[in-house]
């Protein structure tokens, strides 16, 4: 099913059609640190991926721009990610910030299932890839979480911590992902102090060279059982 989404570029609104969505995990540029991270996750019960990076198709219906997501349980959290949007062809590429919101308790059972049960918010504002690829490694991702009405810093790092853009695109082609009407959540930066769970999540994509920022915030509503 193809769904239309309004995007905004430099004040102009336009529409893209998206019918496929993917998350790419374990995209750290430093492979040794990535393997260390895999071992750390294994110690808390998260299964090792079959390969690194790891590709996780997610349902198209999980794409969420409403400013609110519904979750089950208190152990879900977002991560600010590079979101790559392919329009009508592989040269029609836009970049924004998205959140690979994940059920952390279910992640210890099945990583792919943990990604399917949570929506994937992404920002309306986008940048054209051609406008940022010459200073790609200087771009930054940051996020914060509202916990009991107090905002706490969660992430803040240059995307040089993530695989180079060329390697991400090559990986997408290698996996035969359709580079048309597709969004890919292509990697995140380290957490400042481990997983945290709250009621709101704010994510930012920062371009220090052109002095601009994409910001998106969403509410996290836990659908508790009514007794």
N, C-alpha and C. Protein backbone atom coordinates (compact mmCIF):
# COMPACT_ATOMS: atom_id res chain seq x y z
N UNK A 1 0.84 -1.19 0.00
CA UNK A 1 0.00 0.00 0.00
C UNK A 1 0.88 1.25 0.00
N UNK A 2 0.61 2.13 -0.94
CA UNK A 2 1.36 3.38 -1.02
C UNK A 2 0.62 4.46 -0.23
N UNK A 3 1.35 5.16 0.62
CA UNK A 3 0.77 6.26 1.38
C UNK A 3 1.52 7.54 1.06
N UNK A 4 0.79 8.63 0.96
CA UNK A 4 1.40 9.92 0.65
C UNK A 4 1.72 10.67 1.94
N UNK A 5 2.89 11.32 1.93
CA UNK A 5 3.33 12.12 3.06
C UNK A 5 3.75 13.49 2.55
N UNK A 6 3.33 14.52 3.27
CA UNK A 6 3.78 15.88 2.95
C UNK A 6 5.14 16.13 3.58
N UNK A 7 6.07 16.63 2.79
CA UNK A 7 7.39 17.02 3.27
C UNK A 7 7.59 18.50 3.02
N UNK A 8 8.54 19.08 3.74
CA UNK A 8 8.81 20.51 3.60
C UNK A 8 10.30 20.73 3.36
N UNK A 9 10.61 21.45 2.28
CA UNK A 9 12.00 21.76 1.96
C UNK A 9 12.13 23.25 1.70
N UNK A 10 12.90 23.91 2.56
CA UNK A 10 13.14 25.35 2.45
C UNK A 10 11.84 26.14 2.30
N UNK A 11 10.86 25.77 3.11
CA UNK A 11 9.59 26.50 3.14
C UNK A 11 8.56 26.04 2.14
N UNK A 12 8.93 25.15 1.24
CA UNK A 12 8.00 24.65 0.22
C UNK A 12 7.54 23.24 0.58
N UNK A 13 6.23 23.03 0.50
CA UNK A 13 5.66 21.72 0.82
C UNK A 13 5.43 20.92 -0.45
N UNK A 14 5.78 19.65 -0.40
CA UNK A 14 5.54 18.76 -1.54
C UNK A 14 5.19 17.38 -1.00
N UNK A 15 4.76 16.50 -1.87
CA UNK A 15 4.27 15.18 -1.47
C UNK A 15 5.16 14.08 -2.01
N UNK A 16 5.43 13.09 -1.17
CA UNK A 16 6.12 11.88 -1.63
C UNK A 16 5.24 10.68 -1.30
N UNK A 17 5.39 9.65 -2.10
CA UNK A 17 4.70 8.39 -1.84
C UNK A 17 5.69 7.41 -1.23
N UNK A 18 5.29 6.75 -0.17
CA UNK A 18 6.15 5.77 0.49
C UNK A 18 5.38 4.46 0.66
N UNK A 19 5.97 3.37 0.19
CA UNK A 19 5.31 2.08 0.36
C UNK A 19 6.20 1.01 0.98
N UNK A 20 7.47 1.37 1.27
CA UNK A 20 8.35 0.43 1.95
C UNK A 20 9.18 1.17 2.99
N UNK A 21 9.50 0.47 4.09
CA UNK A 21 10.29 1.07 5.17
C UNK A 21 11.24 0.02 5.73
N UNK A 22 12.44 0.48 6.09
CA UNK A 22 13.47 -0.42 6.62
C UNK A 22 14.23 0.29 7.73
N UNK A 23 14.75 -0.52 8.65
CA UNK A 23 15.73 -0.03 9.63
C UNK A 23 17.03 -0.81 9.42
N UNK A 24 18.14 -0.10 9.44
CA UNK A 24 19.44 -0.75 9.37
C UNK A 24 20.09 -0.61 10.74
N UNK A 25 20.40 -1.73 11.35
CA UNK A 25 21.01 -1.72 12.67
C UNK A 25 22.49 -2.01 12.63
N UNK A 26 23.16 -1.65 13.70
CA UNK A 26 24.60 -1.92 13.86
C UNK A 26 25.42 -1.28 12.74
N UNK A 27 25.19 0.01 12.53
CA UNK A 27 25.86 0.73 11.45
C UNK A 27 27.03 1.58 11.94
N UNK A 28 27.57 1.26 13.10
CA UNK A 28 28.70 2.02 13.61
C UNK A 28 29.89 1.97 12.66
N UNK A 29 30.56 3.09 12.51
CA UNK A 29 31.71 3.15 11.60
C UNK A 29 32.90 2.38 12.16
N UNK A 30 33.08 2.44 13.48
CA UNK A 30 34.15 1.69 14.12
C UNK A 30 33.66 0.27 14.37
N UNK A 31 34.13 -0.67 13.57
CA UNK A 31 33.63 -2.04 13.63
C UNK A 31 33.94 -2.72 14.96
N UNK A 32 35.11 -2.42 15.53
CA UNK A 32 35.47 -3.03 16.81
C UNK A 32 34.50 -2.59 17.90
N UNK A 33 34.19 -1.29 17.93
CA UNK A 33 33.24 -0.79 18.93
C UNK A 33 31.84 -1.36 18.70
N UNK A 34 31.50 -1.54 17.42
CA UNK A 34 30.19 -2.12 17.11
C UNK A 34 30.09 -3.54 17.65
N UNK A 35 31.15 -4.33 17.48
CA UNK A 35 31.17 -5.69 18.00
C UNK A 35 31.12 -5.70 19.52
N UNK A 36 31.80 -4.74 20.15
CA UNK A 36 31.75 -4.62 21.61
C UNK A 36 30.31 -4.33 22.06
N UNK A 37 29.64 -3.47 21.29
CA UNK A 37 28.25 -3.13 21.61
C UNK A 37 27.35 -4.35 21.49
N UNK A 38 27.59 -5.17 20.47
CA UNK A 38 26.81 -6.39 20.29
C UNK A 38 26.98 -7.30 21.51
N UNK A 39 28.22 -7.42 21.99
CA UNK A 39 28.48 -8.26 23.17
C UNK A 39 27.81 -7.70 24.41
N UNK A 40 27.82 -6.36 24.55
CA UNK A 40 27.17 -5.73 25.70
C UNK A 40 25.67 -6.01 25.68
N UNK A 41 25.07 -5.91 24.50
CA UNK A 41 23.64 -6.17 24.38
C UNK A 41 23.32 -7.64 24.66
N UNK A 42 24.22 -8.52 24.22
CA UNK A 42 24.00 -9.95 24.47
C UNK A 42 23.97 -10.24 25.96
N UNK A 43 24.78 -9.51 26.73
CA UNK A 43 24.83 -9.71 28.18
C UNK A 43 23.51 -9.35 28.87
N UNK A 44 22.74 -8.45 28.25
CA UNK A 44 21.44 -8.09 28.83
C UNK A 44 20.29 -8.81 28.12
N UNK A 45 20.65 -9.79 27.28
CA UNK A 45 19.63 -10.66 26.70
C UNK A 45 19.24 -10.39 25.27
N UNK A 46 19.85 -9.39 24.62
CA UNK A 46 19.50 -9.08 23.23
C UNK A 46 20.25 -10.04 22.30
N UNK A 47 19.54 -10.79 21.45
CA UNK A 47 20.20 -11.75 20.57
C UNK A 47 21.19 -11.08 19.63
N UNK A 48 22.26 -11.79 19.30
CA UNK A 48 23.23 -11.28 18.33
C UNK A 48 22.60 -11.26 16.94
N UNK A 49 22.89 -10.24 16.13
CA UNK A 49 22.39 -10.24 14.75
C UNK A 49 23.11 -11.30 13.93
N UNK A 50 22.45 -11.76 12.87
CA UNK A 50 23.06 -12.77 12.01
C UNK A 50 24.20 -12.17 11.19
N UNK A 51 24.12 -10.88 10.95
CA UNK A 51 25.19 -10.19 10.23
C UNK A 51 25.23 -8.74 10.67
N UNK A 52 26.35 -8.09 10.39
CA UNK A 52 26.54 -6.67 10.70
C UNK A 52 27.01 -5.95 9.44
N UNK A 53 26.28 -4.88 9.03
CA UNK A 53 25.03 -4.34 9.56
C UNK A 53 23.89 -5.37 9.43
N UNK A 54 22.76 -5.04 10.04
CA UNK A 54 21.59 -5.91 10.00
C UNK A 54 20.39 -5.13 9.45
N UNK A 55 19.69 -5.75 8.51
CA UNK A 55 18.56 -5.10 7.86
C UNK A 55 17.25 -5.63 8.43
N UNK A 56 16.37 -4.70 8.83
CA UNK A 56 15.08 -5.08 9.39
C UNK A 56 13.96 -4.38 8.61
N UNK A 57 13.24 -5.13 7.76
CA UNK A 57 12.06 -4.53 7.12
C UNK A 57 11.01 -4.23 8.19
N UNK A 58 10.36 -3.10 8.08
CA UNK A 58 9.28 -2.77 9.01
C UNK A 58 8.03 -2.43 8.21
N UNK A 59 6.89 -2.61 8.84
CA UNK A 59 5.62 -2.38 8.14
C UNK A 59 5.49 -0.91 7.74
N UNK A 60 4.98 -0.69 6.55
CA UNK A 60 4.82 0.67 6.06
C UNK A 60 3.85 1.45 6.94
N UNK A 61 2.89 0.75 7.52
CA UNK A 61 1.89 1.42 8.35
C UNK A 61 2.46 1.96 9.66
N UNK A 62 3.72 1.62 9.96
CA UNK A 62 4.33 2.12 11.20
C UNK A 62 4.80 3.56 11.06
N UNK A 63 4.88 4.08 9.83
CA UNK A 63 5.36 5.45 9.63
C UNK A 63 4.36 6.43 10.23
N UNK A 64 4.85 7.28 11.10
CA UNK A 64 3.95 8.10 11.93
C UNK A 64 4.41 9.55 11.93
N UNK A 65 3.48 10.43 11.57
CA UNK A 65 3.78 11.86 11.58
C UNK A 65 2.78 12.63 12.45
N UNK A 66 2.06 11.93 13.32
CA UNK A 66 0.98 12.55 14.08
C UNK A 66 1.44 13.33 15.29
N UNK A 67 2.71 13.11 15.72
CA UNK A 67 3.18 13.74 16.94
C UNK A 67 2.89 12.93 18.19
N UNK A 68 2.34 11.72 18.01
CA UNK A 68 2.05 10.84 19.14
C UNK A 68 2.11 9.40 18.69
N UNK A 69 2.71 8.53 19.51
CA UNK A 69 2.67 7.10 19.22
C UNK A 69 2.09 6.37 20.42
N UNK A 70 1.39 5.27 20.15
CA UNK A 70 0.85 4.41 21.19
C UNK A 70 1.77 3.20 21.34
N UNK A 71 2.09 2.85 22.57
CA UNK A 71 2.97 1.71 22.84
C UNK A 71 2.35 0.82 23.90
N UNK A 72 2.89 -0.39 24.02
CA UNK A 72 2.46 -1.32 25.06
C UNK A 72 3.61 -1.54 26.03
N UNK A 73 3.46 -1.10 27.25
CA UNK A 73 4.51 -1.28 28.23
C UNK A 73 5.34 -0.04 28.47
N UNK A 74 6.12 -0.08 29.55
CA UNK A 74 6.90 1.08 29.97
C UNK A 74 8.35 1.06 29.50
N UNK A 75 8.74 0.02 28.76
CA UNK A 75 10.14 -0.10 28.35
C UNK A 75 10.28 0.02 26.84
N UNK A 76 9.82 1.14 26.30
CA UNK A 76 10.05 1.46 24.90
C UNK A 76 10.80 2.78 24.83
N UNK A 77 11.62 2.94 23.82
CA UNK A 77 12.38 4.19 23.70
C UNK A 77 12.74 4.45 22.25
N UNK A 78 12.95 5.72 21.95
CA UNK A 78 13.34 6.12 20.61
C UNK A 78 14.85 6.27 20.49
N UNK A 79 15.30 6.44 19.26
CA UNK A 79 16.69 6.76 18.96
C UNK A 79 16.69 7.68 17.74
N UNK A 80 17.36 8.81 17.84
CA UNK A 80 17.46 9.70 16.69
C UNK A 80 18.29 9.03 15.60
N UNK A 81 17.73 8.95 14.41
CA UNK A 81 18.38 8.25 13.30
C UNK A 81 18.42 9.11 12.05
N UNK A 82 19.39 8.81 11.19
CA UNK A 82 19.37 9.35 9.83
C UNK A 82 18.22 8.68 9.11
N UNK A 83 17.32 9.44 8.54
CA UNK A 83 16.23 8.89 7.73
C UNK A 83 16.46 9.30 6.28
N UNK A 84 16.64 8.30 5.43
CA UNK A 84 16.87 8.54 4.00
C UNK A 84 15.57 8.26 3.26
N UNK A 85 15.10 9.24 2.52
CA UNK A 85 13.84 9.10 1.78
C UNK A 85 14.14 9.10 0.28
N UNK A 86 13.79 8.01 -0.37
CA UNK A 86 13.91 7.92 -1.83
C UNK A 86 12.56 8.27 -2.44
N UNK A 87 12.57 9.27 -3.33
CA UNK A 87 11.35 9.68 -4.01
C UNK A 87 11.07 8.82 -5.23
N UNK A 88 11.02 9.45 -6.39
CA UNK A 88 10.65 8.74 -7.61
C UNK A 88 11.76 7.88 -8.20
N UNK A 89 13.01 8.14 -7.80
CA UNK A 89 14.10 7.28 -8.26
C UNK A 89 15.27 7.42 -7.30
N UNK A 90 16.35 6.66 -7.54
CA UNK A 90 17.47 6.63 -6.61
C UNK A 90 18.27 7.92 -6.59
N UNK A 91 18.00 8.84 -7.50
CA UNK A 91 18.66 10.14 -7.49
C UNK A 91 17.81 11.21 -6.80
N UNK A 92 16.58 10.87 -6.48
CA UNK A 92 15.66 11.79 -5.82
C UNK A 92 15.68 11.47 -4.32
N UNK A 93 16.71 12.00 -3.63
CA UNK A 93 16.98 11.58 -2.26
C UNK A 93 16.88 12.78 -1.30
N UNK A 94 16.15 12.56 -0.22
CA UNK A 94 16.02 13.57 0.83
C UNK A 94 16.47 12.95 2.16
N UNK A 95 16.97 13.81 3.04
CA UNK A 95 17.47 13.37 4.34
C UNK A 95 16.73 14.12 5.44
N UNK A 96 16.35 13.39 6.48
CA UNK A 96 15.74 14.03 7.64
C UNK A 96 16.10 13.22 8.89
N UNK A 97 15.44 13.52 9.99
CA UNK A 97 15.67 12.77 11.23
C UNK A 97 14.42 11.95 11.53
N UNK A 98 14.64 10.72 11.95
CA UNK A 98 13.55 9.84 12.34
C UNK A 98 13.91 9.12 13.63
N UNK A 99 12.96 8.37 14.15
CA UNK A 99 13.20 7.64 15.40
C UNK A 99 12.84 6.17 15.22
N UNK A 100 13.83 5.32 15.44
CA UNK A 100 13.59 3.87 15.45
C UNK A 100 13.11 3.49 16.84
N UNK A 101 11.85 3.86 17.12
CA UNK A 101 11.30 3.58 18.45
C UNK A 101 11.12 2.07 18.60
N UNK A 102 11.60 1.52 19.71
CA UNK A 102 11.71 0.07 19.86
C UNK A 102 11.24 -0.37 21.25
N UNK A 103 10.61 -1.53 21.29
CA UNK A 103 10.22 -2.15 22.56
C UNK A 103 11.45 -2.88 23.12
N UNK A 104 12.07 -2.33 24.15
CA UNK A 104 13.34 -2.88 24.65
C UNK A 104 13.16 -4.22 25.37
N UNK A 105 12.01 -4.44 25.98
CA UNK A 105 11.80 -5.74 26.63
C UNK A 105 11.60 -6.83 25.59
N UNK A 106 10.87 -6.54 24.52
CA UNK A 106 10.67 -7.51 23.45
C UNK A 106 11.95 -7.73 22.65
N UNK A 107 12.82 -6.73 22.66
CA UNK A 107 14.08 -6.83 21.92
C UNK A 107 14.93 -8.00 22.42
N UNK A 108 14.79 -8.36 23.69
CA UNK A 108 15.55 -9.48 24.23
C UNK A 108 15.02 -10.82 23.74
N UNK A 109 13.82 -10.80 23.16
CA UNK A 109 13.21 -12.03 22.63
C UNK A 109 13.41 -12.13 21.13
N UNK A 110 13.09 -11.04 20.42
CA UNK A 110 13.20 -11.03 18.96
C UNK A 110 13.36 -9.58 18.50
N UNK A 111 14.51 -9.26 17.93
CA UNK A 111 14.79 -7.87 17.54
C UNK A 111 13.78 -7.38 16.52
N UNK A 112 13.52 -8.19 15.48
CA UNK A 112 12.63 -7.74 14.42
C UNK A 112 11.22 -7.49 14.95
N UNK A 113 10.72 -8.37 15.82
CA UNK A 113 9.40 -8.16 16.40
C UNK A 113 9.36 -6.88 17.24
N UNK A 114 10.46 -6.60 17.94
CA UNK A 114 10.50 -5.40 18.79
C UNK A 114 10.39 -4.13 17.97
N UNK A 115 10.81 -4.19 16.71
CA UNK A 115 10.73 -3.02 15.84
C UNK A 115 9.35 -2.89 15.19
N UNK A 116 8.68 -4.04 14.99
CA UNK A 116 7.38 -4.01 14.32
C UNK A 116 6.28 -3.42 15.21
N UNK A 117 6.40 -3.59 16.53
CA UNK A 117 5.29 -3.21 17.41
C UNK A 117 5.27 -1.71 17.73
N UNK A 118 6.31 -0.98 17.34
CA UNK A 118 6.36 0.46 17.63
C UNK A 118 6.38 1.25 16.33
N UNK A 119 5.63 2.35 16.31
CA UNK A 119 5.66 3.24 15.15
C UNK A 119 7.03 3.89 15.00
N UNK A 120 7.29 4.38 13.79
CA UNK A 120 8.55 5.04 13.47
C UNK A 120 8.28 6.49 13.04
N UNK A 121 8.33 7.42 13.98
CA UNK A 121 8.12 8.82 13.63
C UNK A 121 9.28 9.38 12.80
N UNK A 122 8.99 10.36 11.96
CA UNK A 122 10.04 11.08 11.25
C UNK A 122 9.56 12.50 10.98
N UNK A 123 10.52 13.40 10.80
CA UNK A 123 10.21 14.82 10.68
C UNK A 123 9.62 15.16 9.32
N UNK A 124 8.88 16.25 9.28
CA UNK A 124 8.31 16.72 8.01
C UNK A 124 9.36 17.48 7.20
N UNK A 125 10.20 18.24 7.87
CA UNK A 125 11.22 19.01 7.16
C UNK A 125 12.32 18.09 6.67
N UNK A 126 12.81 18.35 5.46
CA UNK A 126 13.87 17.53 4.88
C UNK A 126 14.93 18.43 4.25
N UNK A 127 16.11 17.84 4.05
CA UNK A 127 17.16 18.48 3.27
C UNK A 127 17.44 17.63 2.05
N UNK A 128 17.79 18.27 0.95
CA UNK A 128 18.22 17.52 -0.22
C UNK A 128 19.63 16.98 0.03
N UNK A 129 19.83 15.74 -0.36
CA UNK A 129 21.14 15.13 -0.15
C UNK A 129 22.24 15.94 -0.81
N UNK A 130 21.98 16.46 -1.99
CA UNK A 130 23.02 17.21 -2.71
C UNK A 130 23.49 18.43 -1.93
N UNK A 131 22.64 18.94 -1.03
CA UNK A 131 22.99 20.15 -0.27
C UNK A 131 23.85 19.86 0.96
N UNK A 132 24.00 18.60 1.33
CA UNK A 132 24.72 18.29 2.57
C UNK A 132 25.82 17.25 2.41
N UNK A 133 25.88 16.59 1.27
CA UNK A 133 26.82 15.47 1.17
C UNK A 133 28.28 15.91 1.20
N UNK A 134 28.56 17.20 0.89
CA UNK A 134 29.95 17.65 0.91
C UNK A 134 30.45 17.92 2.33
N UNK A 135 29.54 17.97 3.31
CA UNK A 135 29.96 18.11 4.71
C UNK A 135 29.20 17.10 5.59
N UNK A 136 28.97 15.94 5.05
CA UNK A 136 28.16 14.90 5.69
C UNK A 136 28.63 14.58 7.11
N UNK A 137 29.92 14.35 7.28
CA UNK A 137 30.43 13.93 8.59
C UNK A 137 30.33 15.00 9.66
N UNK A 138 30.06 16.24 9.27
CA UNK A 138 29.94 17.31 10.25
C UNK A 138 28.51 17.45 10.78
N UNK A 139 27.56 16.77 10.13
CA UNK A 139 26.19 16.80 10.62
C UNK A 139 26.10 16.10 11.97
N UNK A 140 25.12 16.48 12.77
CA UNK A 140 25.00 15.94 14.13
C UNK A 140 23.57 15.47 14.40
N UNK A 141 23.47 14.40 15.18
CA UNK A 141 22.19 13.94 15.70
C UNK A 141 22.15 14.18 17.20
N UNK A 142 21.02 14.64 17.70
CA UNK A 142 20.86 14.76 19.15
C UNK A 142 19.42 14.42 19.51
N UNK A 143 19.23 14.03 20.75
CA UNK A 143 17.87 13.74 21.21
C UNK A 143 17.79 13.98 22.71
N UNK A 144 16.57 14.13 23.19
CA UNK A 144 16.31 14.25 24.62
C UNK A 144 14.97 13.60 24.93
N UNK A 145 14.80 13.21 26.18
CA UNK A 145 13.59 12.51 26.62
C UNK A 145 12.98 13.27 27.79
N UNK A 146 11.67 13.41 27.76
CA UNK A 146 10.97 14.00 28.90
C UNK A 146 10.57 12.88 29.86
N UNK A 147 11.12 12.94 31.07
CA UNK A 147 10.84 11.94 32.10
C UNK A 147 10.26 12.66 33.31
N UNK A 148 9.02 12.34 33.64
CA UNK A 148 8.34 13.02 34.77
C UNK A 148 8.42 14.53 34.62
N UNK A 149 8.11 15.00 33.41
CA UNK A 149 8.04 16.43 33.08
C UNK A 149 9.40 17.12 33.03
N UNK A 150 10.49 16.39 33.13
CA UNK A 150 11.83 16.99 33.05
C UNK A 150 12.57 16.45 31.83
N UNK A 151 13.14 17.36 31.03
CA UNK A 151 13.86 16.95 29.83
C UNK A 151 15.29 16.53 30.18
N UNK A 152 15.68 15.37 29.65
CA UNK A 152 17.00 14.80 29.91
C UNK A 152 17.71 14.56 28.59
N UNK A 153 18.96 15.03 28.47
CA UNK A 153 19.73 14.78 27.24
C UNK A 153 19.95 13.29 27.07
N UNK A 154 19.80 12.81 25.83
CA UNK A 154 19.85 11.38 25.56
C UNK A 154 20.95 11.00 24.55
N UNK A 155 21.11 11.82 23.51
CA UNK A 155 22.13 11.60 22.49
C UNK A 155 22.67 12.94 22.02
N UNK A 156 23.93 12.96 21.60
CA UNK A 156 24.52 14.17 21.02
C UNK A 156 25.86 13.82 20.41
N UNK A 157 25.91 13.64 19.09
CA UNK A 157 27.14 13.17 18.46
C UNK A 157 27.09 13.45 16.96
N UNK A 158 28.25 13.71 16.38
CA UNK A 158 28.34 13.85 14.93
C UNK A 158 28.05 12.50 14.27
N UNK A 159 27.49 12.54 13.05
CA UNK A 159 27.15 11.28 12.38
C UNK A 159 28.38 10.62 11.76
N UNK A 160 29.55 11.17 12.02
CA UNK A 160 30.79 10.48 11.65
C UNK A 160 30.94 9.17 12.42
N UNK A 161 30.11 8.98 13.46
CA UNK A 161 30.11 7.72 14.20
C UNK A 161 29.40 6.61 13.42
N UNK A 162 28.68 6.99 12.36
CA UNK A 162 27.90 6.05 11.56
C UNK A 162 28.64 5.76 10.26
N UNK A 163 28.38 4.61 9.66
CA UNK A 163 28.97 4.26 8.37
C UNK A 163 28.89 5.43 7.40
N UNK A 164 29.90 5.61 6.55
CA UNK A 164 29.83 6.67 5.54
C UNK A 164 28.60 6.49 4.64
N UNK A 165 28.10 7.60 4.14
CA UNK A 165 26.90 7.57 3.30
C UNK A 165 27.06 6.62 2.12
N UNK A 166 28.23 6.65 1.49
CA UNK A 166 28.45 5.80 0.32
C UNK A 166 28.30 4.32 0.68
N UNK A 167 28.78 3.94 1.86
CA UNK A 167 28.67 2.54 2.29
C UNK A 167 27.21 2.17 2.59
N UNK A 168 26.47 3.13 3.13
CA UNK A 168 25.05 2.87 3.40
C UNK A 168 24.31 2.62 2.08
N UNK A 169 24.56 3.49 1.09
CA UNK A 169 23.90 3.35 -0.21
C UNK A 169 24.30 2.03 -0.86
N UNK A 170 25.58 1.69 -0.80
CA UNK A 170 26.05 0.42 -1.38
C UNK A 170 25.37 -0.76 -0.69
N UNK A 171 25.21 -0.68 0.62
CA UNK A 171 24.56 -1.75 1.37
C UNK A 171 23.10 -1.90 0.93
N UNK A 172 22.43 -0.77 0.75
CA UNK A 172 21.03 -0.78 0.30
C UNK A 172 20.93 -1.47 -1.06
N UNK A 173 21.85 -1.13 -1.96
CA UNK A 173 21.84 -1.76 -3.29
C UNK A 173 22.15 -3.25 -3.20
N UNK A 174 23.10 -3.60 -2.35
CA UNK A 174 23.49 -5.00 -2.19
C UNK A 174 22.32 -5.85 -1.71
N UNK A 175 21.46 -5.25 -0.88
CA UNK A 175 20.31 -5.97 -0.34
C UNK A 175 19.10 -5.90 -1.27
N UNK A 176 19.29 -5.30 -2.45
CA UNK A 176 18.22 -5.20 -3.46
C UNK A 176 16.98 -4.49 -2.93
N UNK A 177 17.21 -3.49 -2.08
CA UNK A 177 16.10 -2.67 -1.61
C UNK A 177 15.68 -1.73 -2.74
N UNK A 178 14.38 -1.63 -2.94
CA UNK A 178 13.85 -0.75 -3.97
C UNK A 178 14.14 0.71 -3.61
N UNK A 179 14.92 1.38 -4.43
CA UNK A 179 15.29 2.76 -4.14
C UNK A 179 14.31 3.72 -4.80
N UNK A 180 13.05 3.52 -4.49
CA UNK A 180 11.96 4.37 -4.97
C UNK A 180 10.82 4.25 -3.99
N UNK A 181 10.26 5.39 -3.58
CA UNK A 181 9.13 5.40 -2.64
C UNK A 181 9.43 4.59 -1.38
N UNK A 182 10.64 4.79 -0.86
CA UNK A 182 11.12 4.01 0.28
C UNK A 182 11.78 4.93 1.31
N UNK A 183 11.59 4.62 2.58
CA UNK A 183 12.30 5.33 3.65
C UNK A 183 13.16 4.33 4.41
N UNK A 184 14.38 4.75 4.71
CA UNK A 184 15.32 3.89 5.42
C UNK A 184 15.83 4.62 6.66
N UNK A 185 15.64 4.03 7.82
CA UNK A 185 16.23 4.54 9.05
C UNK A 185 17.62 3.92 9.13
N UNK A 186 18.64 4.75 8.88
CA UNK A 186 19.96 4.23 8.49
C UNK A 186 21.02 4.27 9.57
N UNK A 187 20.64 4.44 10.81
CA UNK A 187 21.66 4.39 11.86
C UNK A 187 21.55 5.52 12.85
N UNK A 188 22.08 5.27 14.04
CA UNK A 188 22.01 6.23 15.13
C UNK A 188 23.38 6.45 15.74
N UNK A 189 23.45 7.36 16.68
CA UNK A 189 24.71 7.66 17.37
C UNK A 189 24.60 7.15 18.81
N UNK A 190 25.72 7.06 19.53
CA UNK A 190 25.69 6.47 20.88
C UNK A 190 24.77 7.21 21.85
N UNK A 191 24.25 6.45 22.81
CA UNK A 191 23.49 7.04 23.91
C UNK A 191 24.45 7.65 24.91
N UNK A 192 24.01 8.70 25.57
CA UNK A 192 24.87 9.36 26.55
C UNK A 192 25.00 8.55 27.84
N UNK A 193 23.91 7.88 28.22
CA UNK A 193 23.96 7.16 29.50
C UNK A 193 22.93 6.03 29.55
N UNK A 194 22.94 5.16 28.54
CA UNK A 194 22.07 4.00 28.54
C UNK A 194 20.62 4.31 28.21
N UNK A 195 19.81 3.25 28.07
CA UNK A 195 18.40 3.41 27.73
C UNK A 195 17.65 4.14 28.84
N UNK A 196 16.76 5.03 28.41
CA UNK A 196 15.86 5.72 29.33
C UNK A 196 14.46 5.68 28.73
N UNK A 197 13.46 5.74 29.59
CA UNK A 197 12.08 5.64 29.14
C UNK A 197 11.29 6.82 29.67
N UNK A 198 10.54 7.46 28.80
CA UNK A 198 9.81 8.65 29.22
C UNK A 198 8.52 8.81 28.47
N UNK A 199 7.95 10.04 28.58
CA UNK A 199 6.64 10.29 27.99
C UNK A 199 6.70 11.14 26.71
N UNK A 200 7.86 11.74 26.43
CA UNK A 200 8.04 12.48 25.18
C UNK A 200 9.47 12.29 24.69
N UNK A 201 9.63 12.38 23.36
CA UNK A 201 10.95 12.23 22.75
C UNK A 201 11.15 13.34 21.74
N UNK A 202 12.29 14.03 21.84
CA UNK A 202 12.62 15.09 20.88
C UNK A 202 13.91 14.72 20.17
N UNK A 203 13.93 14.85 18.85
CA UNK A 203 15.11 14.51 18.06
C UNK A 203 15.47 15.67 17.15
N UNK A 204 16.78 15.83 16.93
CA UNK A 204 17.27 16.93 16.11
C UNK A 204 18.34 16.45 15.14
N UNK A 205 18.30 17.01 13.93
CA UNK A 205 19.36 16.83 12.95
C UNK A 205 19.97 18.22 12.76
N UNK A 206 21.24 18.34 13.07
CA UNK A 206 21.89 19.65 13.12
C UNK A 206 22.93 19.77 12.02
N UNK A 207 22.84 20.85 11.26
CA UNK A 207 23.82 21.16 10.22
C UNK A 207 24.60 22.39 10.68
N UNK A 208 25.77 22.20 11.32
CA UNK A 208 26.52 23.34 11.84
C UNK A 208 27.17 24.18 10.75
N UNK A 209 27.32 23.62 9.56
CA UNK A 209 27.93 24.36 8.46
C UNK A 209 26.96 25.40 7.91
N UNK A 210 25.72 24.98 7.67
CA UNK A 210 24.72 25.90 7.13
C UNK A 210 23.83 26.49 8.22
N UNK A 211 24.19 26.18 9.47
CA UNK A 211 23.53 26.76 10.65
C UNK A 211 21.99 26.59 10.59
N UNK A 212 21.57 25.34 10.56
CA UNK A 212 20.14 25.03 10.53
C UNK A 212 19.92 23.70 11.25
N UNK A 213 18.69 23.51 11.72
CA UNK A 213 18.36 22.31 12.49
C UNK A 213 16.95 21.84 12.15
N UNK A 214 16.81 20.54 11.98
CA UNK A 214 15.49 19.92 11.87
C UNK A 214 15.14 19.36 13.25
N UNK A 215 13.97 19.73 13.75
CA UNK A 215 13.54 19.26 15.07
C UNK A 215 12.17 18.61 14.97
N UNK A 216 12.00 17.50 15.65
CA UNK A 216 10.70 16.82 15.68
C UNK A 216 10.50 16.22 17.07
N UNK A 217 9.29 16.37 17.60
CA UNK A 217 8.96 15.87 18.94
C UNK A 217 7.69 15.03 18.88
N UNK A 218 7.66 13.97 19.65
CA UNK A 218 6.42 13.18 19.71
C UNK A 218 6.16 12.69 21.13
N UNK A 219 4.88 12.50 21.41
CA UNK A 219 4.43 11.99 22.70
C UNK A 219 4.37 10.47 22.67
N UNK A 220 4.70 9.84 23.78
CA UNK A 220 4.67 8.38 23.90
C UNK A 220 3.56 8.01 24.87
N UNK A 221 2.52 7.37 24.37
CA UNK A 221 1.37 7.01 25.21
C UNK A 221 1.34 5.51 25.44
N UNK A 222 1.43 5.10 26.69
CA UNK A 222 1.38 3.68 27.04
C UNK A 222 -0.08 3.25 27.18
N UNK A 223 -0.48 2.28 26.36
CA UNK A 223 -1.85 1.78 26.39
C UNK A 223 -1.98 0.73 27.49
N UNK A 224 -2.13 1.18 28.70
CA UNK A 224 -2.23 0.28 29.84
C UNK A 224 -3.61 -0.38 29.88
N UNK A 225 -3.64 -1.57 30.42
CA UNK A 225 -4.91 -2.29 30.56
C UNK A 225 -5.78 -1.60 31.60
N UNK A 226 -7.04 -1.36 31.25
CA UNK A 226 -7.98 -0.73 32.18
C UNK A 226 -8.60 -1.82 33.06
N UNK A 227 -8.44 -1.69 34.35
CA UNK A 227 -8.98 -2.69 35.28
C UNK A 227 -10.21 -2.17 36.00
